[in-house]
């Protein structure tokens, strides 16, 4: 439980710092016969700050519950 709590806290902090997941995709712009034109575009999946906050609170709660058990 303690390890899961620590992992949730770390993921929550990362979600607050980066505020999203970025990735690159290749899009086809033009294709005429054997001529192909494509471009790399960066896309972002936004993560609301509430997600990071919830992960941090859940991680702290797991650590506290684990402490009370022992």
C-alpha atoms as a PDB file:
ATOM      1  CA  UNK A   1       0.000   0.000   0.000  1.00  0.00           C
ATOM      2  CA  UNK A   2       2.828   2.368   0.864  1.00  0.00           C
ATOM      3  CA  UNK A   3       4.544   1.789  -2.485  1.00  0.00           C
ATOM      4  CA  UNK A   4       1.301   2.394  -4.386  1.00  0.00           C
ATOM      5  CA  UNK A   5       0.801   5.605  -2.408  1.00  0.00           C
ATOM      6  CA  UNK A   6       4.277   6.846  -3.315  1.00  0.00           C
ATOM      7  CA  UNK A   7       3.716   6.017  -6.984  1.00  0.00           C
ATOM      8  CA  UNK A   8       0.417   7.933  -6.980  1.00  0.00           C
ATOM      9  CA  UNK A   9       2.084  10.965  -5.389  1.00  0.00           C
ATOM     10  CA  UNK A  10       4.882  10.963  -7.977  1.00  0.00           C
ATOM     11  CA  UNK A  11       2.398  10.586 -10.859  1.00  0.00           C
ATOM     12  CA  UNK A  12       0.255  13.385  -9.403  1.00  0.00           C
ATOM     13  CA  UNK A  13       3.221  15.757  -9.191  1.00  0.00           C
ATOM     14  CA  UNK A  14       4.231  14.893 -12.770  1.00  0.00           C
ATOM     15  CA  UNK A  15       0.664  15.524 -13.964  1.00  0.00           C
ATOM     16  CA  UNK A  16       0.700  18.947 -12.309  1.00  0.00           C
ATOM     17  CA  UNK A  17       4.114  19.856 -13.723  1.00  0.00           C
ATOM     18  CA  UNK A  18       3.614  18.725 -17.325  1.00  0.00           C
ATOM     19  CA  UNK A  19      -0.174  19.335 -17.571  1.00  0.00           C
ATOM     20  CA  UNK A  20      -0.521  16.896 -20.445  1.00  0.00           C
ATOM     21  CA  UNK A  21       0.976  14.124 -22.516  1.00  0.00           C
ATOM     22  CA  UNK A  22       2.634  15.143 -25.792  1.00  0.00           C
ATOM     23  CA  UNK A  23       3.209  12.874 -28.740  1.00  0.00           C
ATOM     24  CA  UNK A  24       4.215  13.257 -32.388  1.00  0.00           C
ATOM     25  CA  UNK A  25       2.234  11.862 -35.280  1.00  0.00           C
ATOM     26  CA  UNK A  26       2.914  11.800 -38.985  1.00  0.00           C
ATOM     27  CA  UNK A  27       0.115  13.202 -41.144  1.00  0.00           C
ATOM     28  CA  UNK A  28      -0.219  12.845 -44.889  1.00  0.00           C
ATOM     29  CA  UNK A  29      -0.620  16.308 -46.429  1.00  0.00           C
ATOM     30  CA  UNK A  30      -0.458  15.608 -50.139  1.00  0.00           C
ATOM     31  CA  UNK A  31      -0.329  12.534 -52.340  1.00  0.00           C
ATOM     32  CA  UNK A  32      -0.132  12.888 -56.105  1.00  0.00           C
ATOM     33  CA  UNK A  33       0.918   9.728 -57.904  1.00  0.00           C
ATOM     34  CA  UNK A  34       4.272   8.687 -56.507  1.00  0.00           C
ATOM     35  CA  UNK A  35       4.836  12.042 -54.789  1.00  0.00           C
ATOM     36  CA  UNK A  36       3.927  11.925 -51.137  1.00  0.00           C
ATOM     37  CA  UNK A  37       4.202  14.806 -48.714  1.00  0.00           C
ATOM     38  CA  UNK A  38       3.820  14.320 -44.989  1.00  0.00           C
ATOM     39  CA  UNK A  39       4.524  16.368 -41.885  1.00  0.00           C
ATOM     40  CA  UNK A  40       5.193  15.588 -38.241  1.00  0.00           C
ATOM     41  CA  UNK A  41       2.711  17.262 -35.932  1.00  0.00           C
ATOM     42  CA  UNK A  42       2.870  17.485 -32.166  1.00  0.00           C
ATOM     43  CA  UNK A  43      -0.345  16.722 -30.370  1.00  0.00           C
ATOM     44  CA  UNK A  44      -1.162  17.062 -26.689  1.00  0.00           C
ATOM     45  CA  UNK A  45      -3.612  15.170 -24.516  1.00  0.00           C
ATOM     46  CA  UNK A  46      -4.400  17.707 -21.782  1.00  0.00           C
ATOM     47  CA  UNK A  47      -4.564  16.622 -18.149  1.00  0.00           C
ATOM     48  CA  UNK A  48      -6.599  18.899 -15.899  1.00  0.00           C
ATOM     49  CA  UNK A  49      -4.859  19.912 -12.649  1.00  0.00           C
ATOM     50  CA  UNK A  50      -7.617  18.187 -10.670  1.00  0.00           C
ATOM     51  CA  UNK A  51      -6.292  14.810 -11.890  1.00  0.00           C
ATOM     52  CA  UNK A  52      -2.881  15.510 -10.368  1.00  0.00           C
ATOM     53  CA  UNK A  53      -4.459  16.767  -7.165  1.00  0.00           C
ATOM     54  CA  UNK A  54      -6.643  13.698  -6.795  1.00  0.00           C
ATOM     55  CA  UNK A  55      -3.656  11.401  -7.379  1.00  0.00           C
ATOM     56  CA  UNK A  56      -1.633  13.218  -4.700  1.00  0.00           C
ATOM     57  CA  UNK A  57      -4.483  13.099  -2.165  1.00  0.00           C
ATOM     58  CA  UNK A  58      -5.127   9.414  -2.896  1.00  0.00           C
ATOM     59  CA  UNK A  59      -1.416   8.632  -2.489  1.00  0.00           C
ATOM     60  CA  UNK A  60      -1.265  10.432   0.861  1.00  0.00           C
ATOM     61  CA  UNK A  61      -4.422   8.636   2.006  1.00  0.00           C
ATOM     62  CA  UNK A  62      -2.930   5.233   1.107  1.00  0.00           C
ATOM     63  CA  UNK A  63       0.248   6.010   3.025  1.00  0.00           C
ATOM     64  CA  UNK A  64      -1.738   7.143   6.080  1.00  0.00           C
ATOM     65  CA  UNK A  65      -3.995   4.052   5.987  1.00  0.00           C
ATOM     66  CA  UNK A  66      -0.917   1.815   5.762  1.00  0.00           C
ATOM     67  CA  UNK A  67       0.630   3.589   8.763  1.00  0.00           C
ATOM     68  CA  UNK A  68      -2.489   3.091  10.889  1.00  0.00           C
ATOM     69  CA  UNK A  69      -2.533  -0.650  10.139  1.00  0.00           C
ATOM     70  CA  UNK A  70       0.937  -1.185  11.607  1.00  0.00           C
END
